[in-house]
N, C-alpha and C. Protein backbone atom coordinates (compact mmCIF):
# COMPACT_ATOMS: atom_id res chain seq x y z
N MET A 1 210.41 -65.16 -37.72
CA MET A 1 210.10 -63.98 -36.98
C MET A 1 208.77 -64.16 -36.27
N LYS A 2 208.71 -63.67 -35.04
CA LYS A 2 207.52 -63.83 -34.23
C LYS A 2 206.57 -62.67 -34.50
N GLU A 3 205.33 -62.98 -34.71
CA GLU A 3 204.34 -61.95 -34.98
C GLU A 3 203.72 -61.47 -33.68
N PHE A 4 203.36 -60.19 -33.65
CA PHE A 4 202.72 -59.61 -32.48
C PHE A 4 201.24 -59.94 -32.52
N ASP A 5 200.75 -60.55 -31.46
CA ASP A 5 199.35 -60.96 -31.39
C ASP A 5 198.57 -59.92 -30.59
N GLN A 6 197.58 -59.29 -31.20
CA GLN A 6 196.77 -58.27 -30.56
C GLN A 6 195.86 -58.85 -29.48
N ASP A 7 195.55 -60.10 -29.53
CA ASP A 7 194.63 -60.72 -28.59
C ASP A 7 195.29 -61.11 -27.26
N LYS A 8 196.60 -61.03 -27.18
CA LYS A 8 197.29 -61.39 -25.94
C LYS A 8 196.98 -60.36 -24.86
N GLU A 9 196.81 -60.84 -23.64
CA GLU A 9 196.57 -59.95 -22.51
C GLU A 9 197.89 -59.35 -22.03
N ILE A 10 197.79 -58.17 -21.46
CA ILE A 10 198.98 -57.52 -20.93
C ILE A 10 199.35 -58.24 -19.62
N SER A 11 200.61 -58.59 -19.48
CA SER A 11 201.01 -59.34 -18.30
C SER A 11 201.29 -58.45 -17.09
N GLU A 12 201.47 -57.15 -17.29
CA GLU A 12 201.72 -56.23 -16.19
C GLU A 12 200.61 -55.19 -16.10
N ILE A 13 200.34 -54.76 -14.88
CA ILE A 13 199.36 -53.70 -14.67
C ILE A 13 200.12 -52.40 -14.50
N ASN A 14 199.67 -51.37 -15.18
CA ASN A 14 200.31 -50.06 -15.07
C ASN A 14 199.90 -49.44 -13.73
N MET A 15 200.86 -49.22 -12.85
CA MET A 15 200.58 -48.72 -11.51
C MET A 15 200.56 -47.19 -11.41
N THR A 16 200.97 -46.50 -12.44
CA THR A 16 201.06 -45.04 -12.39
C THR A 16 199.72 -44.37 -12.09
N PRO A 17 198.62 -44.72 -12.76
CA PRO A 17 197.35 -44.07 -12.41
C PRO A 17 196.90 -44.38 -10.98
N PHE A 18 197.17 -45.59 -10.52
CA PHE A 18 196.80 -45.96 -9.16
C PHE A 18 197.56 -45.11 -8.13
N VAL A 19 198.85 -44.95 -8.33
CA VAL A 19 199.67 -44.14 -7.43
C VAL A 19 199.20 -42.69 -7.45
N ASP A 20 198.86 -42.17 -8.63
CA ASP A 20 198.36 -40.80 -8.73
C ASP A 20 197.08 -40.61 -7.91
N ILE A 21 196.17 -41.54 -8.02
CA ILE A 21 194.90 -41.45 -7.29
C ILE A 21 195.14 -41.54 -5.78
N VAL A 22 195.99 -42.45 -5.36
CA VAL A 22 196.28 -42.61 -3.93
C VAL A 22 196.91 -41.33 -3.37
N LEU A 23 197.82 -40.72 -4.10
CA LEU A 23 198.44 -39.48 -3.63
C LEU A 23 197.44 -38.34 -3.55
N VAL A 24 196.53 -38.25 -4.51
CA VAL A 24 195.51 -37.20 -4.46
C VAL A 24 194.60 -37.42 -3.25
N ILE A 25 194.20 -38.65 -2.99
CA ILE A 25 193.35 -38.94 -1.83
C ILE A 25 194.11 -38.62 -0.53
N LEU A 26 195.39 -38.94 -0.48
CA LEU A 26 196.20 -38.63 0.70
C LEU A 26 196.26 -37.12 0.95
N ILE A 27 196.44 -36.35 -0.11
CA ILE A 27 196.48 -34.89 0.03
C ILE A 27 195.14 -34.36 0.51
N ILE A 28 194.05 -34.91 0.00
CA ILE A 28 192.71 -34.47 0.43
C ILE A 28 192.51 -34.77 1.92
N PHE A 29 192.89 -35.96 2.37
CA PHE A 29 192.76 -36.31 3.79
C PHE A 29 193.62 -35.41 4.67
N MET A 30 194.82 -35.11 4.23
CA MET A 30 195.69 -34.25 5.03
C MET A 30 195.14 -32.83 5.11
N ALA A 31 194.53 -32.35 4.04
CA ALA A 31 194.02 -30.98 4.03
C ALA A 31 192.74 -30.85 4.85
N THR A 32 191.94 -31.91 4.91
CA THR A 32 190.65 -31.81 5.59
C THR A 32 190.64 -32.44 6.98
N ALA A 33 191.75 -33.01 7.39
CA ALA A 33 191.80 -33.68 8.69
C ALA A 33 191.66 -32.67 9.82
N THR A 34 190.95 -33.08 10.85
CA THR A 34 190.88 -32.23 12.04
C THR A 34 192.10 -32.55 12.88
N PHE A 35 192.74 -31.52 13.34
CA PHE A 35 193.95 -31.71 14.11
C PHE A 35 193.61 -31.91 15.57
N MET A 36 194.40 -32.74 16.24
CA MET A 36 194.15 -33.05 17.63
C MET A 36 194.46 -31.83 18.49
N VAL A 37 193.54 -31.47 19.33
CA VAL A 37 193.71 -30.33 20.22
C VAL A 37 194.01 -30.86 21.61
N GLU A 38 195.05 -30.28 22.22
CA GLU A 38 195.38 -30.71 23.58
C GLU A 38 194.24 -30.37 24.51
N GLY A 39 194.11 -31.17 25.55
CA GLY A 39 193.07 -30.90 26.54
C GLY A 39 193.28 -29.54 27.17
N LYS A 40 192.24 -28.78 27.23
CA LYS A 40 192.32 -27.44 27.79
C LYS A 40 191.65 -27.42 29.15
N ILE A 41 192.19 -26.62 30.02
CA ILE A 41 191.63 -26.44 31.34
C ILE A 41 190.81 -25.16 31.29
N PRO A 42 189.58 -25.17 31.79
CA PRO A 42 188.78 -23.95 31.72
C PRO A 42 189.29 -22.89 32.69
N VAL A 43 190.15 -22.03 32.18
CA VAL A 43 190.72 -20.95 32.97
C VAL A 43 190.36 -19.65 32.28
N ASN A 44 189.80 -18.72 33.01
CA ASN A 44 189.41 -17.42 32.49
C ASN A 44 190.65 -16.52 32.50
N LEU A 45 191.42 -16.54 31.40
CA LEU A 45 192.69 -15.83 31.35
C LEU A 45 192.49 -14.32 31.34
N PRO A 46 193.40 -13.60 31.98
CA PRO A 46 193.33 -12.14 31.92
C PRO A 46 193.74 -11.64 30.54
N LYS A 47 193.32 -10.42 30.21
CA LYS A 47 193.65 -9.83 28.91
C LYS A 47 194.80 -8.85 29.08
N ALA A 48 195.61 -8.76 28.02
CA ALA A 48 196.73 -7.82 28.03
C ALA A 48 196.91 -7.23 26.64
N LYS A 49 197.16 -5.94 26.57
CA LYS A 49 197.36 -5.28 25.29
C LYS A 49 198.73 -5.62 24.70
N THR A 50 199.68 -5.92 25.54
CA THR A 50 201.05 -6.13 25.08
C THR A 50 201.43 -7.60 24.99
N SER A 51 200.46 -8.49 24.99
CA SER A 51 200.81 -9.91 24.92
C SER A 51 201.38 -10.23 23.54
N GLU A 52 202.26 -11.21 23.51
CA GLU A 52 202.88 -11.60 22.25
C GLU A 52 202.96 -13.11 22.18
N ARG A 53 202.98 -13.62 20.95
CA ARG A 53 203.07 -15.06 20.73
C ARG A 53 204.54 -15.46 20.78
N THR A 54 204.83 -16.46 21.60
CA THR A 54 206.20 -16.94 21.72
C THR A 54 206.25 -18.41 21.36
N THR A 55 207.42 -18.85 20.95
CA THR A 55 207.61 -20.26 20.63
C THR A 55 208.64 -20.84 21.58
N VAL A 56 208.46 -22.09 21.90
CA VAL A 56 209.35 -22.79 22.83
C VAL A 56 209.92 -23.98 22.10
N SER A 57 211.23 -24.23 22.26
CA SER A 57 211.88 -25.32 21.53
C SER A 57 211.49 -26.70 22.06
N THR A 58 211.20 -26.80 23.34
CA THR A 58 210.77 -28.08 23.91
C THR A 58 209.33 -27.95 24.40
N LYS A 59 208.72 -29.07 24.68
CA LYS A 59 207.33 -29.04 25.15
C LYS A 59 207.28 -28.43 26.55
N PRO A 60 206.53 -27.34 26.70
CA PRO A 60 206.48 -26.69 28.01
C PRO A 60 205.61 -27.46 28.99
N VAL A 61 205.84 -27.21 30.26
CA VAL A 61 205.01 -27.76 31.33
C VAL A 61 203.95 -26.71 31.64
N VAL A 62 202.68 -27.09 31.51
CA VAL A 62 201.58 -26.15 31.73
C VAL A 62 201.10 -26.28 33.17
N VAL A 63 201.17 -25.16 33.90
CA VAL A 63 200.68 -25.10 35.27
C VAL A 63 199.48 -24.17 35.26
N ALA A 64 198.31 -24.71 35.61
CA ALA A 64 197.08 -23.92 35.62
C ALA A 64 196.60 -23.75 37.05
N ILE A 65 196.14 -22.54 37.34
CA ILE A 65 195.60 -22.25 38.66
C ILE A 65 194.17 -21.78 38.48
N LYS A 66 193.24 -22.53 39.05
CA LYS A 66 191.84 -22.12 38.97
C LYS A 66 191.55 -21.09 40.05
N LYS A 67 190.40 -20.42 39.92
CA LYS A 67 190.10 -19.35 40.87
C LYS A 67 189.86 -19.87 42.29
N ASP A 68 189.53 -21.16 42.42
CA ASP A 68 189.34 -21.72 43.76
C ASP A 68 190.67 -22.17 44.39
N GLY A 69 191.79 -21.96 43.68
CA GLY A 69 193.10 -22.30 44.22
C GLY A 69 193.62 -23.66 43.79
N THR A 70 192.83 -24.43 43.06
CA THR A 70 193.27 -25.74 42.57
C THR A 70 194.39 -25.55 41.56
N ILE A 71 195.47 -26.32 41.73
CA ILE A 71 196.61 -26.23 40.82
C ILE A 71 196.69 -27.52 40.02
N LEU A 72 196.82 -27.37 38.70
CA LEU A 72 196.95 -28.51 37.80
C LEU A 72 198.27 -28.41 37.06
N ILE A 73 198.96 -29.53 36.94
CA ILE A 73 200.18 -29.59 36.16
C ILE A 73 199.93 -30.54 35.01
N ASP A 74 199.99 -30.02 33.79
CA ASP A 74 199.69 -30.79 32.57
C ASP A 74 198.36 -31.55 32.70
N ASN A 75 197.32 -30.83 33.09
CA ASN A 75 195.95 -31.34 33.22
C ASN A 75 195.76 -32.32 34.37
N ASN A 76 196.72 -32.47 35.26
CA ASN A 76 196.59 -33.37 36.40
C ASN A 76 196.55 -32.55 37.69
N VAL A 77 195.50 -32.75 38.46
CA VAL A 77 195.37 -32.04 39.74
C VAL A 77 196.45 -32.53 40.68
N ILE A 78 197.16 -31.59 41.31
CA ILE A 78 198.20 -32.01 42.24
C ILE A 78 197.65 -31.98 43.66
N SER A 79 198.08 -32.93 44.41
CA SER A 79 197.72 -32.95 45.83
C SER A 79 199.02 -33.05 46.60
N GLY A 80 199.18 -32.22 47.57
CA GLY A 80 200.41 -32.24 48.34
C GLY A 80 201.32 -31.10 47.96
N ASN A 81 202.61 -31.38 48.01
CA ASN A 81 203.64 -30.36 47.82
C ASN A 81 203.78 -29.97 46.35
N LEU A 82 203.71 -28.69 46.06
CA LEU A 82 203.83 -28.19 44.70
C LEU A 82 205.23 -28.43 44.14
N GLU A 83 206.25 -28.21 44.95
CA GLU A 83 207.62 -28.39 44.48
C GLU A 83 207.91 -29.83 44.08
N SER A 84 207.45 -30.79 44.87
CA SER A 84 207.71 -32.19 44.52
C SER A 84 206.95 -32.59 43.26
N ALA A 85 205.75 -32.06 43.09
CA ALA A 85 204.99 -32.36 41.87
C ALA A 85 205.66 -31.75 40.65
N LEU A 86 206.17 -30.53 40.79
CA LEU A 86 206.87 -29.88 39.68
C LEU A 86 208.17 -30.60 39.34
N SER A 87 208.88 -31.05 40.36
CA SER A 87 210.17 -31.70 40.12
C SER A 87 210.03 -33.01 39.36
N LYS A 88 208.85 -33.64 39.43
CA LYS A 88 208.62 -34.89 38.71
C LYS A 88 208.47 -34.68 37.21
N VAL A 89 207.98 -33.50 36.80
CA VAL A 89 207.70 -33.28 35.38
C VAL A 89 208.59 -32.23 34.74
N ALA A 90 209.36 -31.51 35.53
CA ALA A 90 210.18 -30.42 34.99
C ALA A 90 211.60 -30.49 35.53
N ASN A 91 212.52 -29.94 34.74
CA ASN A 91 213.90 -29.80 35.20
C ASN A 91 214.33 -28.35 34.99
N LYS A 92 215.60 -28.05 35.21
CA LYS A 92 216.07 -26.66 35.13
C LYS A 92 215.94 -26.07 33.73
N ASP A 93 215.93 -26.92 32.71
CA ASP A 93 215.83 -26.43 31.33
C ASP A 93 214.38 -26.33 30.85
N SER A 94 213.44 -26.75 31.65
CA SER A 94 212.03 -26.73 31.24
C SER A 94 211.50 -25.30 31.21
N THR A 95 210.47 -25.12 30.40
CA THR A 95 209.74 -23.86 30.36
C THR A 95 208.38 -24.09 30.97
N ILE A 96 208.00 -23.24 31.89
CA ILE A 96 206.71 -23.34 32.57
C ILE A 96 205.77 -22.31 31.96
N VAL A 97 204.60 -22.77 31.52
CA VAL A 97 203.55 -21.87 31.04
C VAL A 97 202.52 -21.79 32.16
N LEU A 98 202.36 -20.61 32.71
CA LEU A 98 201.47 -20.39 33.84
C LEU A 98 200.14 -19.84 33.35
N GLN A 99 199.08 -20.59 33.58
CA GLN A 99 197.73 -20.16 33.23
C GLN A 99 196.98 -19.93 34.53
N ALA A 100 196.64 -18.67 34.78
CA ALA A 100 195.91 -18.35 36.00
C ALA A 100 194.66 -17.59 35.63
N SER A 101 193.56 -17.98 36.22
CA SER A 101 192.31 -17.27 35.99
C SER A 101 192.46 -15.84 36.49
N LYS A 102 191.77 -14.92 35.83
CA LYS A 102 191.89 -13.52 36.25
C LYS A 102 191.31 -13.29 37.64
N ASP A 103 190.51 -14.25 38.12
CA ASP A 103 189.93 -14.16 39.45
C ASP A 103 190.78 -14.86 40.52
N THR A 104 191.91 -15.43 40.11
CA THR A 104 192.79 -16.15 41.04
C THR A 104 193.51 -15.16 41.95
N PRO A 105 193.56 -15.44 43.25
CA PRO A 105 194.34 -14.57 44.14
C PRO A 105 195.81 -14.56 43.70
N PHE A 106 196.40 -13.38 43.73
CA PHE A 106 197.77 -13.21 43.26
C PHE A 106 198.76 -14.05 44.06
N GLN A 107 198.46 -14.33 45.31
CA GLN A 107 199.35 -15.13 46.14
C GLN A 107 199.56 -16.52 45.55
N ASN A 108 198.52 -17.09 44.93
CA ASN A 108 198.66 -18.41 44.32
C ASN A 108 199.64 -18.38 43.15
N VAL A 109 199.60 -17.31 42.37
CA VAL A 109 200.53 -17.16 41.25
C VAL A 109 201.95 -17.02 41.77
N VAL A 110 202.13 -16.22 42.79
CA VAL A 110 203.45 -16.01 43.39
C VAL A 110 203.98 -17.33 43.96
N SER A 111 203.12 -18.14 44.54
CA SER A 111 203.55 -19.43 45.10
C SER A 111 204.10 -20.35 44.02
N VAL A 112 203.45 -20.37 42.85
CA VAL A 112 203.93 -21.21 41.75
C VAL A 112 205.28 -20.69 41.24
N ILE A 113 205.39 -19.39 41.06
CA ILE A 113 206.66 -18.81 40.60
C ILE A 113 207.77 -19.08 41.62
N ASP A 114 207.45 -18.98 42.88
CA ASP A 114 208.42 -19.25 43.94
C ASP A 114 208.87 -20.70 43.91
N ALA A 115 207.93 -21.62 43.69
CA ALA A 115 208.28 -23.05 43.60
C ALA A 115 209.19 -23.30 42.40
N CYS A 116 208.93 -22.62 41.29
CA CYS A 116 209.79 -22.76 40.11
C CYS A 116 211.20 -22.29 40.42
N ARG A 117 211.31 -21.16 41.07
CA ARG A 117 212.64 -20.63 41.41
C ARG A 117 213.37 -21.52 42.40
N GLU A 118 212.66 -22.12 43.34
CA GLU A 118 213.29 -23.04 44.29
C GLU A 118 213.90 -24.23 43.57
N LEU A 119 213.27 -24.65 42.46
CA LEU A 119 213.78 -25.79 41.69
C LEU A 119 214.81 -25.37 40.65
N GLY A 120 215.09 -24.07 40.56
CA GLY A 120 216.06 -23.58 39.58
C GLY A 120 215.48 -23.37 38.20
N ILE A 121 214.17 -23.38 38.09
CA ILE A 121 213.51 -23.15 36.79
C ILE A 121 213.31 -21.65 36.65
N ASN A 122 213.99 -21.07 35.67
CA ASN A 122 213.92 -19.63 35.48
C ASN A 122 213.17 -19.23 34.21
N LYS A 123 212.75 -20.21 33.42
CA LYS A 123 212.02 -19.89 32.20
C LYS A 123 210.54 -20.19 32.43
N TYR A 124 209.78 -19.15 32.59
CA TYR A 124 208.34 -19.32 32.74
C TYR A 124 207.63 -18.17 32.06
N MET A 125 206.44 -18.46 31.56
CA MET A 125 205.63 -17.48 30.87
C MET A 125 204.25 -17.45 31.50
N ILE A 126 203.63 -16.30 31.50
CA ILE A 126 202.26 -16.17 31.98
C ILE A 126 201.38 -16.03 30.75
N GLU A 127 200.44 -16.94 30.60
CA GLU A 127 199.56 -16.93 29.43
C GLU A 127 198.43 -15.93 29.63
N THR A 128 198.19 -15.12 28.59
CA THR A 128 197.10 -14.15 28.62
C THR A 128 196.36 -14.20 27.30
N LYS A 129 195.22 -13.54 27.25
CA LYS A 129 194.48 -13.36 26.00
C LYS A 129 194.80 -11.98 25.47
N LYS A 130 194.96 -11.88 24.15
CA LYS A 130 195.21 -10.57 23.55
C LYS A 130 193.90 -9.81 23.46
N GLU A 131 193.93 -8.54 23.84
CA GLU A 131 192.71 -7.71 23.79
C GLU A 131 192.34 -7.38 22.36
């Protein structure tokens, strides 16, 4: 019969405590991580008492209009025809989020909505700040 020798080293390392520590560290990193914020365009949004939070199933196309009339689509300044620029990034199923400064002339907002309708895009939202 073979005797058990207390002086023999263990041939395997117990991985359970290591896995526990790694999972705890992973949870700590996930809880304290700063989340990436999309680039924002400095637009002074108008306020509305009846604004509501909506969710969109696909990533919306953000169209921002600054008070000087500059139009940006997904943070890119467009030069030239608005309809052709919109058609490159949006289709009929896209949702357009319209961000217009409260100082923007209303004609600029109407022009963007008109361009959306010309392309057959009927889902658009106007972003506001809740009062």
